[in-house]
Amino acid sequence: MHDTHLIEKIYESISELCRVNSIVKVNALDLEVDKGSHINAPLLLEHLCERENSMFGNWTHVHIDYKPFEKLTAVIISIDGESSDSVKHSNETYN
């Protein structure tokens, strides 16, 4: 249940970062989550695709590292994506 909430927060944060940076298609995500999390790359990608299938898809590579963070913490290390102008990158931390 808690991981479900964190996955949704990750989605919301990624969506907002993409909106602010005019990213319309995400090619790669690099994240860190707490060691106790059950979030994995296929699970996160499935959720992202269900929520926004034009931005995320089988072309999106998700990489997750597990770190000794406080419970229910995720850090978005990078978002690589396409916009009408160029490839954008962003770094953010969320609890």
PDB file of N, CA and C in Angstrom:
ATOM      1  N   MET A   1       0.819  -1.196   0.000  1.00  0.00           N
ATOM      2  CA  MET A   1       0.000   0.000   0.000  1.00  0.00           C
ATOM      3  C   MET A   1       0.861   1.258   0.000  1.00  0.00           C
ATOM      4  N   HIS A   2       1.889   1.290   0.858  1.00  0.00           N
ATOM      5  CA  HIS A   2       2.741   2.467   0.922  1.00  0.00           C
ATOM      6  C   HIS A   2       3.512   2.660  -0.375  1.00  0.00           C
ATOM      7  N   ASP A   3       4.000   1.556  -0.958  1.00  0.00           N
ATOM      8  CA  ASP A   3       4.709   1.665  -2.232  1.00  0.00           C
ATOM      9  C   ASP A   3       3.785   2.186  -3.323  1.00  0.00           C
ATOM     10  N   THR A   4       2.515   1.821  -3.272  1.00  0.00           N
ATOM     11  CA  THR A   4       1.552   2.322  -4.251  1.00  0.00           C
ATOM     12  C   THR A   4       1.452   3.838  -4.162  1.00  0.00           C
ATOM     13  N   HIS A   5       1.411   4.352  -2.948  1.00  0.00           N
ATOM     14  CA  HIS A   5       1.365   5.805  -2.741  1.00  0.00           C
ATOM     15  C   HIS A   5       2.650   6.454  -3.260  1.00  0.00           C
ATOM     16  N   LEU A   6       3.797   5.851  -2.977  1.00  0.00           N
ATOM     17  CA  LEU A   6       5.074   6.397  -3.440  1.00  0.00           C
ATOM     18  C   LEU A   6       5.163   6.353  -4.964  1.00  0.00           C
ATOM     19  N   ILE A   7       4.707   5.277  -5.579  1.00  0.00           N
ATOM     20  CA  ILE A   7       4.714   5.183  -7.043  1.00  0.00           C
ATOM     21  C   ILE A   7       3.880   6.307  -7.648  1.00  0.00           C
ATOM     22  N   GLU A   8       2.728   6.583  -7.063  1.00  0.00           N
ATOM     23  CA  GLU A   8       1.888   7.666  -7.578  1.00  0.00           C
ATOM     24  C   GLU A   8       2.571   9.023  -7.394  1.00  0.00           C
ATOM     25  N   LYS A   9       3.237   9.227  -6.259  1.00  0.00           N
ATOM     26  CA  LYS A   9       3.966  10.482  -6.042  1.00  0.00           C
ATOM     27  C   LYS A   9       5.111  10.622  -7.047  1.00  0.00           C
ATOM     28  N   ILE A  10       5.780   9.515  -7.347  1.00  0.00           N
ATOM     29  CA  ILE A  10       6.852   9.541  -8.351  1.00  0.00           C
ATOM     30  C   ILE A  10       6.265   9.936  -9.701  1.00  0.00           C
ATOM     31  N   TYR A  11       5.145   9.319 -10.070  1.00  0.00           N
ATOM     32  CA  TYR A  11       4.486   9.666 -11.335  1.00  0.00           C
ATOM     33  C   TYR A  11       4.143  11.153 -11.383  1.00  0.00           C
ATOM     34  N   GLU A  12       3.518  11.658 -10.328  1.00  0.00           N
ATOM     35  CA  GLU A  12       3.122  13.070 -10.293  1.00  0.00           C
ATOM     36  C   GLU A  12       4.331  13.989 -10.419  1.00  0.00           C
ATOM     37  N   SER A  13       5.419  13.644  -9.737  1.00  0.00           N
ATOM     38  CA  SER A  13       6.634  14.463  -9.791  1.00  0.00           C
ATOM     39  C   SER A  13       7.264  14.435 -11.174  1.00  0.00           C
ATOM     40  N   ILE A  14       7.343  13.253 -11.769  1.00  0.00           N
ATOM     41  CA  ILE A  14       7.903  13.137 -13.119  1.00  0.00           C
ATOM     42  C   ILE A  14       7.031  13.905 -14.109  1.00  0.00           C
ATOM     43  N   SER A  15       5.721  13.763 -13.997  1.00  0.00           N
ATOM     44  CA  SER A  15       4.810  14.472 -14.902  1.00  0.00           C
ATOM     45  C   SER A  15       4.984  15.978 -14.799  1.00  0.00           C
ATOM     46  N   GLU A  16       5.099  16.485 -13.581  1.00  0.00           N
ATOM     47  CA  GLU A  16       5.272  17.922 -13.388  1.00  0.00           C
ATOM     48  C   GLU A  16       6.614  18.394 -13.946  1.00  0.00           C
ATOM     49  N   LEU A  17       7.680  17.640 -13.686  1.00  0.00           N
ATOM     50  CA  LEU A  17       8.994  18.003 -14.233  1.00  0.00           C
ATOM     51  C   LEU A  17       8.968  17.997 -15.758  1.00  0.00           C
ATOM     52  N   CYS A  18       8.290  17.028 -16.331  1.00  0.00           N
ATOM     53  CA  CYS A  18       8.187  16.973 -17.792  1.00  0.00           C
ATOM     54  C   CYS A  18       7.386  18.156 -18.326  1.00  0.00           C
ATOM     55  N   ARG A  19       6.308  18.496 -17.653  1.00  0.00           N
ATOM     56  CA  ARG A  19       5.496  19.636 -18.081  1.00  0.00           C
ATOM     57  C   ARG A  19       6.321  20.922 -18.040  1.00  0.00           C
ATOM     58  N   VAL A  20       7.013  21.158 -16.936  1.00  0.00           N
ATOM     59  CA  VAL A  20       7.814  22.371 -16.766  1.00  0.00           C
ATOM     60  C   VAL A  20       8.929  22.450 -17.806  1.00  0.00           C
ATOM     61  N   ASN A  21       9.491  21.298 -18.161  1.00  0.00           N
ATOM     62  CA  ASN A  21      10.611  21.255 -19.099  1.00  0.00           C
ATOM     63  C   ASN A  21      10.188  20.910 -20.522  1.00  0.00           C
ATOM     64  N   SER A  22       8.896  20.912 -20.791  1.00  0.00           N
ATOM     65  CA  SER A  22       8.334  20.651 -22.127  1.00  0.00           C
ATOM     66  C   SER A  22       8.752  19.301 -22.698  1.00  0.00           C
ATOM     67  N   ILE A  23       8.884  18.307 -21.832  1.00  0.00           N
ATOM     68  CA  ILE A  23       9.210  16.953 -22.277  1.00  0.00           C
ATOM     69  C   ILE A  23       7.906  16.246 -22.636  1.00  0.00           C
ATOM     70  N   VAL A  24       7.836  15.716 -23.844  1.00  0.00           N
ATOM     71  CA  VAL A  24       6.615  15.051 -24.308  1.00  0.00           C
ATOM     72  C   VAL A  24       6.770  13.535 -24.423  1.00  0.00           C
ATOM     73  N   LYS A  25       8.008  13.047 -24.402  1.00  0.00           N
ATOM     74  CA  LYS A  25       8.273  11.612 -24.486  1.00  0.00           C
ATOM     75  C   LYS A  25       9.491  11.305 -23.622  1.00  0.00           C
ATOM     76  N   VAL A  26       9.325  10.391 -22.659  1.00  0.00           N
ATOM     77  CA  VAL A  26      10.410  10.034 -21.751  1.00  0.00           C
ATOM     78  C   VAL A  26      11.110   8.789 -22.274  1.00  0.00           C
ATOM     79  N   ASN A  27      12.415   8.922 -22.509  1.00  0.00           N
ATOM     80  CA  ASN A  27      13.214   7.798 -22.997  1.00  0.00           C
ATOM     81  C   ASN A  27      13.884   7.025 -21.870  1.00  0.00           C
ATOM     82  N   ALA A  28      14.278   7.729 -20.795  1.00  0.00           N
ATOM     83  CA  ALA A  28      14.974   7.061 -19.696  1.00  0.00           C
ATOM     84  C   ALA A  28      14.724   7.783 -18.384  1.00  0.00           C
ATOM     85  N   LEU A  29      14.582   6.993 -17.327  1.00  0.00           N
ATOM     86  CA  LEU A  29      14.443   7.499 -15.965  1.00  0.00           C
ATOM     87  C   LEU A  29      15.481   6.820 -15.103  1.00  0.00           C
ATOM     88  N   ASP A  30      16.112   7.581 -14.236  1.00  0.00           N
ATOM     89  CA  ASP A  30      17.066   7.036 -13.273  1.00  0.00           C
ATOM     90  C   ASP A  30      16.613   7.493 -11.898  1.00  0.00           C
ATOM     91  N   LEU A  31      16.285   6.537 -11.026  1.00  0.00           N
ATOM     92  CA  LEU A  31      15.773   6.852  -9.698  1.00  0.00           C
ATOM     93  C   LEU A  31      16.515   6.076  -8.630  1.00  0.00           C
ATOM     94  N   GLU A  32      16.406   6.583  -7.404  1.00  0.00           N
ATOM     95  CA  GLU A  32      16.865   5.871  -6.222  1.00  0.00           C
ATOM     96  C   GLU A  32      15.689   5.804  -5.259  1.00  0.00           C
ATOM     97  N   VAL A  33      15.501   4.644  -4.630  1.00  0.00           N
ATOM     98  CA  VAL A  33      14.442   4.474  -3.638  1.00  0.00           C
ATOM     99  C   VAL A  33      15.030   3.803  -2.411  1.00  0.00           C
ATOM    100  N   ASP A  34      14.285   3.870  -1.297  1.00  0.00           N
ATOM    101  CA  ASP A  34      14.793   3.266  -0.067  1.00  0.00           C
ATOM    102  C   ASP A  34      14.907   1.750  -0.208  1.00  0.00           C
ATOM    103  N   LYS A  35      15.881   1.195   0.514  1.00  0.00           N
ATOM    104  CA  LYS A  35      16.173  -0.244   0.417  1.00  0.00           C
ATOM    105  C   LYS A  35      14.980  -1.131   0.746  1.00  0.00           C
ATOM    106  N   GLY A  36      14.076  -0.658   1.581  1.00  0.00           N
ATOM    107  CA  GLY A  36      12.923  -1.459   1.977  1.00  0.00           C
ATOM    108  C   GLY A  36      11.785  -1.440   0.976  1.00  0.00           C
ATOM    109  N   SER A  37      11.927  -0.662  -0.063  1.00  0.00           N
ATOM    110  CA  SER A  37      10.862  -0.526  -1.051  1.00  0.00           C
ATOM    111  C   SER A  37      10.743  -1.772  -1.921  1.00  0.00           C
ATOM    112  N   HIS A  38       9.513  -2.054  -2.332  1.00  0.00           N
ATOM    113  CA  HIS A  38       9.263  -3.152  -3.267  1.00  0.00           C
ATOM    114  C   HIS A  38       9.098  -2.643  -4.694  1.00  0.00           C
ATOM    115  N   ILE A  39       9.349  -1.356  -4.896  1.00  0.00           N
ATOM    116  CA  ILE A  39       9.251  -0.775  -6.234  1.00  0.00           C
ATOM    117  C   ILE A  39      10.391  -1.314  -7.087  1.00  0.00           C
ATOM    118  N   ASN A  40      10.052  -1.770  -8.288  1.00  0.00           N
ATOM    119  CA  ASN A  40      11.078  -2.198  -9.237  1.00  0.00           C
ATOM    120  C   ASN A  40      10.780  -1.546 -10.584  1.00  0.00           C
ATOM    121  N   ALA A  41      11.718  -1.639 -11.497  1.00  0.00           N
ATOM    122  CA  ALA A  41      11.592  -0.955 -12.787  1.00  0.00           C
ATOM    123  C   ALA A  41      10.349  -1.388 -13.573  1.00  0.00           C
ATOM    124  N   PRO A  42      10.086  -2.692 -13.739  1.00  0.00           N
ATOM    125  CA  PRO A  42       8.887  -3.084 -14.498  1.00  0.00           C
ATOM    126  C   PRO A  42       7.584  -2.599 -13.855  1.00  0.00           C
ATOM    127  N   LEU A  43       7.499  -2.658 -12.528  1.00  0.00           N
ATOM    128  CA  LEU A  43       6.299  -2.204 -11.826  1.00  0.00           C
ATOM    129  C   LEU A  43       6.088  -0.706 -12.019  1.00  0.00           C
ATOM    130  N   LEU A  44       7.155   0.078 -11.869  1.00  0.00           N
ATOM    131  CA  LEU A  44       7.040   1.525 -12.044  1.00  0.00           C
ATOM    132  C   LEU A  44       6.676   1.872 -13.480  1.00  0.00           C
ATOM    133  N   LEU A  45       7.333   1.240 -14.444  1.00  0.00           N
ATOM    134  CA  LEU A  45       7.034   1.526 -15.844  1.00  0.00           C
ATOM    135  C   LEU A  45       5.586   1.170 -16.181  1.00  0.00           C
ATOM    136  N   GLU A  46       5.091   0.058 -15.656  1.00  0.00           N
ATOM    137  CA  GLU A  46       3.692  -0.320 -15.892  1.00  0.00           C
ATOM    138  C   GLU A  46       2.750   0.774 -15.385  1.00  0.00           C
ATOM    139  N   HIS A  47       3.020   1.280 -14.192  1.00  0.00           N
ATOM    140  CA  HIS A  47       2.178   2.340 -13.631  1.00  0.00           C
ATOM    141  C   HIS A  47       2.263   3.605 -14.481  1.00  0.00           C
ATOM    142  N   LEU A  48       3.466   3.988 -14.878  1.00  0.00           N
ATOM    143  CA  LEU A  48       3.642   5.186 -15.698  1.00  0.00           C
ATOM    144  C   LEU A  48       2.893   5.058 -17.023  1.00  0.00           C
ATOM    145  N   CYS A  49       2.987   3.900 -17.645  1.00  0.00           N
ATOM    146  CA  CYS A  49       2.303   3.676 -18.928  1.00  0.00           C
ATOM    147  C   CYS A  49       0.785   3.706 -18.769  1.00  0.00           C
ATOM    148  N   GLU A  50       0.279   3.147 -17.667  1.00  0.00           N
ATOM    149  CA  GLU A  50      -1.165   3.170 -17.411  1.00  0.00           C
ATOM    150  C   GLU A  50      -1.667   4.594 -17.212  1.00  0.00           C
ATOM    151  N   ARG A  51      -0.861   5.437 -16.595  1.00  0.00           N
ATOM    152  CA  ARG A  51      -1.265   6.814 -16.302  1.00  0.00           C
ATOM    153  C   ARG A  51      -1.080   7.752 -17.487  1.00  0.00           C
ATOM    154  N   GLU A  52      -0.050   7.514 -18.314  1.00  0.00           N
ATOM    155  CA  GLU A  52       0.267   8.454 -19.403  1.00  0.00           C
ATOM    156  C   GLU A  52       0.969   7.704 -20.528  1.00  0.00           C
ATOM    157  N   ASN A  53       0.197   6.984 -21.353  1.00  0.00           N
ATOM    158  CA  ASN A  53       0.810   6.106 -22.352  1.00  0.00           C
ATOM    159  C   ASN A  53       1.390   6.836 -23.555  1.00  0.00           C
ATOM    160  N   SER A  54       1.143   8.122 -23.692  1.00  0.00           N
ATOM    161  CA  SER A  54       1.793   8.854 -24.785  1.00  0.00           C
ATOM    162  C   SER A  54       3.185   9.338 -24.386  1.00  0.00           C
ATOM    163  N   MET A  55       3.433   9.468 -23.088  1.00  0.00           N
ATOM    164  CA  MET A  55       4.721   9.945 -22.597  1.00  0.00           C
ATOM    165  C   MET A  55       5.665   8.791 -22.255  1.00  0.00           C
ATOM    166  N   PHE A  56       5.106   7.671 -21.800  1.00  0.00           N
ATOM    167  CA  PHE A  56       5.886   6.505 -21.380  1.00  0.00           C
ATOM    168  C   PHE A  56       5.448   5.291 -22.189  1.00  0.00           C
ATOM    169  N   GLY A  57       6.388   4.398 -22.470  1.00  0.00           N
ATOM    170  CA  GLY A  57       6.041   3.187 -23.204  1.00  0.00           C
ATOM    171  C   GLY A  57       7.188   2.207 -23.228  1.00  0.00           C
ATOM    172  N   ASN A  58       7.111   1.241 -24.150  1.00  0.00           N
ATOM    173  CA  ASN A  58       8.158   0.218 -24.223  1.00  0.00           C
ATOM    174  C   ASN A  58       9.505   0.803 -24.627  1.00  0.00           C
ATOM    175  N   TRP A  59       9.530   2.042 -25.073  1.00  0.00           N
ATOM    176  CA  TRP A  59      10.783   2.737 -25.396  1.00  0.00           C
ATOM    177  C   TRP A  59      11.442   3.336 -24.146  1.00  0.00           C
ATOM    178  N   THR A  60      10.705   3.408 -23.031  1.00  0.00           N
ATOM    179  CA  THR A  60      11.208   4.046 -21.814  1.00  0.00           C
ATOM    180  C   THR A  60      12.040   3.058 -21.007  1.00  0.00           C
ATOM    181  N   HIS A  61      13.280   3.436 -20.721  1.00  0.00           N
ATOM    182  CA  HIS A  61      14.167   2.626 -19.878  1.00  0.00           C
ATOM    183  C   HIS A  61      14.121   3.188 -18.460  1.00  0.00           C
ATOM    184  N   VAL A  62      13.815   2.331 -17.488  1.00  0.00           N
ATOM    185  CA  VAL A  62      13.770   2.744 -16.085  1.00  0.00           C
ATOM    186  C   VAL A  62      14.880   2.025 -15.336  1.00  0.00           C
ATOM    187  N   HIS A  63      15.694   2.804 -14.622  1.00  0.00           N
ATOM    188  CA  HIS A  63      16.757   2.238 -13.791  1.00  0.00           C
ATOM    189  C   HIS A  63      16.526   2.680 -12.352  1.00  0.00           C
ATOM    190  N   ILE A  64      16.504   1.719 -11.428  1.00  0.00           N
ATOM    191  CA  ILE A  64      16.286   2.023 -10.013  1.00  0.00           C
ATOM    192  C   ILE A  64      17.438   1.453  -9.200  1.00  0.00           C
ATOM    193  N   ASP A  65      18.024   2.301  -8.348  1.00  0.00           N
ATOM    194  CA  ASP A  65      19.012   1.872  -7.357  1.00  0.00           C
ATOM    195  C   ASP A  65      18.351   1.950  -5.988  1.00  0.00           C
ATOM    196  N   TYR A  66      18.739   1.049  -5.098  1.00  0.00           N
ATOM    197  CA  TYR A  66      18.191   1.005  -3.744  1.00  0.00           C
ATOM    198  C   TYR A  66      19.238   1.548  -2.785  1.00  0.00           C
ATOM    199  N   LYS A  67      18.851   2.546  -1.992  1.00  0.00           N
ATOM    200  CA  LYS A  67      19.774   3.258  -1.106  1.00  0.00           C
ATOM    201  C   LYS A  67      19.242   3.247   0.326  1.00  0.00           C
ATOM    202  N   PRO A  68      20.129   3.494   1.299  1.00  0.00           N
ATOM    203  CA  PRO A  68      19.692   3.511   2.704  1.00  0.00           C
ATOM    204  C   PRO A  68      19.004   4.826   3.075  1.00  0.00           C
ATOM    205  N   PHE A  69      17.904   5.122   2.394  1.00  0.00           N
ATOM    206  CA  PHE A  69      17.129   6.334   2.642  1.00  0.00           C
ATOM    207  C   PHE A  69      16.085   6.075   3.718  1.00  0.00           C
ATOM    208  N   GLU A  70      15.485   7.166   4.187  1.00  0.00           N
ATOM    209  CA  GLU A  70      14.322   7.070   5.050  1.00  0.00           C
ATOM    210  C   GLU A  70      13.218   6.338   4.280  1.00  0.00           C
ATOM    211  N   LYS A  71      12.398   5.607   5.009  1.00  0.00           N
ATOM    212  CA  LYS A  71      11.307   4.847   4.391  1.00  0.00           C
ATOM    213  C   LYS A  71      10.440   5.754   3.520  1.00  0.00           C
ATOM    214  N   LEU A  72       9.989   5.218   2.393  1.00  0.00           N
ATOM    215  CA  LEU A  72       9.111   5.905   1.438  1.00  0.00           C
ATOM    216  C   LEU A  72       9.755   7.144   0.822  1.00  0.00           C
ATOM    217  N   THR A  73      11.052   7.043   0.558  1.00  0.00           N
ATOM    218  CA  THR A  73      11.777   8.133  -0.096  1.00  0.00           C
ATOM    219  C   THR A  73      12.203   7.695  -1.482  1.00  0.00           C
ATOM    220  N   ALA A  74      12.041   8.593  -2.427  1.00  0.00           N
ATOM    221  CA  ALA A  74      12.513   8.367  -3.792  1.00  0.00           C
ATOM    222  C   ALA A  74      13.233   9.619  -4.260  1.00  0.00           C
ATOM    223  N   VAL A  75      14.302   9.417  -5.007  1.00  0.00           N
ATOM    224  CA  VAL A  75      15.060  10.518  -5.586  1.00  0.00           C
ATOM    225  C   VAL A  75      15.065  10.319  -7.094  1.00  0.00           C
ATOM    226  N   ILE A  76      14.585  11.310  -7.811  1.00  0.00           N
ATOM    227  CA  ILE A  76      14.647  11.275  -9.269  1.00  0.00           C
ATOM    228  C   ILE A  76      16.013  11.818  -9.655  1.00  0.00           C
ATOM    229  N   ILE A  77      16.886  10.941 -10.117  1.00  0.00           N
ATOM    230  CA  ILE A  77      18.245  11.336 -10.483  1.00  0.00           C
ATOM    231  C   ILE A  77      18.237  12.035 -11.832  1.00  0.00           C
ATOM    232  N   SER A  78      17.565  11.432 -12.801  1.00  0.00           N
ATOM    233  CA  SER A  78      17.511  12.079 -14.116  1.00  0.00           C
ATOM    234  C   SER A  78      16.302  11.607 -14.907  1.00  0.00           C
ATOM    235  N   ILE A  79      15.872  12.488 -15.778  1.00  0.00           N
ATOM    236  CA  ILE A  79      14.823  12.202 -16.754  1.00  0.00           C
ATOM    237  C   ILE A  79      15.391  12.599 -18.106  1.00  0.00           C
ATOM    238  N   ASP A  80      15.519  11.644 -19.001  1.00  0.00           N
ATOM    239  CA  ASP A  80      15.964  11.940 -20.360  1.00  0.00           C
ATOM    240  C   ASP A  80      14.758  11.788 -21.271  1.00  0.00           C
ATOM    241  N   GLY A  81      14.460  12.843 -21.998  1.00  0.00           N
ATOM    242  CA  GLY A  81      13.288  12.791 -22.843  1.00  0.00           C
ATOM    243  C   GLY A  81      13.367  13.726 -24.016  1.00  0.00           C
ATOM    244  N   GLU A  82      12.313  13.706 -24.795  1.00  0.00           N
ATOM    245  CA  GLU A  82      12.248  14.501 -26.015  1.00  0.00           C
ATOM    246  C   GLU A  82      11.201  15.597 -25.876  1.00  0.00           C
ATOM    247  N   SER A  83      11.556  16.749 -26.385  1.00  0.00           N
ATOM    248  CA  SER A  83      10.609  17.852 -26.487  1.00  0.00           C
ATOM    249  C   SER A  83      10.646  18.348 -27.923  1.00  0.00           C
ATOM    250  N   SER A  84       9.863  19.339 -28.201  1.00  0.00           N
ATOM    251  CA  SER A  84       9.890  19.888 -29.558  1.00  0.00           C
ATOM    252  C   SER A  84      11.187  20.646 -29.820  1.00  0.00           C
ATOM    253  N   ASP A  85      11.916  21.005 -28.746  1.00  0.00           N
ATOM    254  CA  ASP A  85      13.153  21.772 -28.888  1.00  0.00           C
ATOM    255  C   ASP A  85      14.406  20.900 -28.820  1.00  0.00           C
ATOM    256  N   SER A  86      14.543  20.134 -27.722  1.00  0.00           N
ATOM    257  CA  SER A  86      15.764  19.346 -27.522  1.00  0.00           C
ATOM    258  C   SER A  86      15.558  18.347 -26.400  1.00  0.00           C
ATOM    259  N   VAL A  87      16.592  17.565 -26.098  1.00  0.00           N
ATOM    260  CA  VAL A  87      16.553  16.626 -24.984  1.00  0.00           C
ATOM    261  C   VAL A  87      16.735  17.415 -23.695  1.00  0.00           C
ATOM    262  N   LYS A  88      15.937  17.092 -22.680  1.00  0.00           N
ATOM    263  CA  LYS A  88      15.986  17.794 -21.400  1.00  0.00           C
ATOM    264  C   LYS A  88      16.433  16.838 -20.303  1.00  0.00           C
ATOM    265  N   HIS A  89      17.040  17.392 -19.249  1.00  0.00           N
ATOM    266  CA  HIS A  89      17.459  16.634 -18.074  1.00  0.00           C
ATOM    267  C   HIS A  89      16.963  17.356 -16.825  1.00  0.00           C
ATOM    268  N   SER A  90      16.641  16.597 -15.775  1.00  0.00           N
ATOM    269  CA  SER A  90      16.208  17.217 -14.531  1.00  0.00           C
ATOM    270  C   SER A  90      16.606  16.341 -13.356  1.00  0.00           C
ATOM    271  N   ASN A  91      16.931  16.968 -12.217  1.00  0.00           N
ATOM    272  CA  ASN A  91      17.270  16.260 -10.986  1.00  0.00           C
ATOM    273  C   ASN A  91      16.396  16.792  -9.858  1.00  0.00           C
ATOM    274  N   GLU A  92      15.746  15.904  -9.103  1.00  0.00           N
ATOM    275  CA  GLU A  92      14.887  16.316  -7.996  1.00  0.00           C
ATOM    276  C   GLU A  92      14.891  15.235  -6.921  1.00  0.00           C
ATOM    277  N   THR A  93      14.584  15.634  -5.661  1.00  0.00           N
ATOM    278  CA  THR A  93      14.440  14.717  -4.542  1.00  0.00           C
ATOM    279  C   THR A  93      13.058  14.902  -3.939  1.00  0.00           C
ATOM    280  N   TYR A  94      12.369  13.782  -3.642  1.00  0.00           N
ATOM    281  CA  TYR A  94      11.024  13.843  -3.070  1.00  0.00           C
ATOM    282  C   TYR A  94      10.892  12.853  -1.937  1.00  0.00           C
ATOM    283  N   ASN A  95      10.147  13.224  -0.902  1.00  0.00           N
ATOM    284  CA  ASN A  95       9.789  12.330   0.204  1.00  0.00           C
ATOM    285  C   ASN A  95       8.288  12.197   0.226  1.00  0.00           C
TER     286      ASN A  95
END
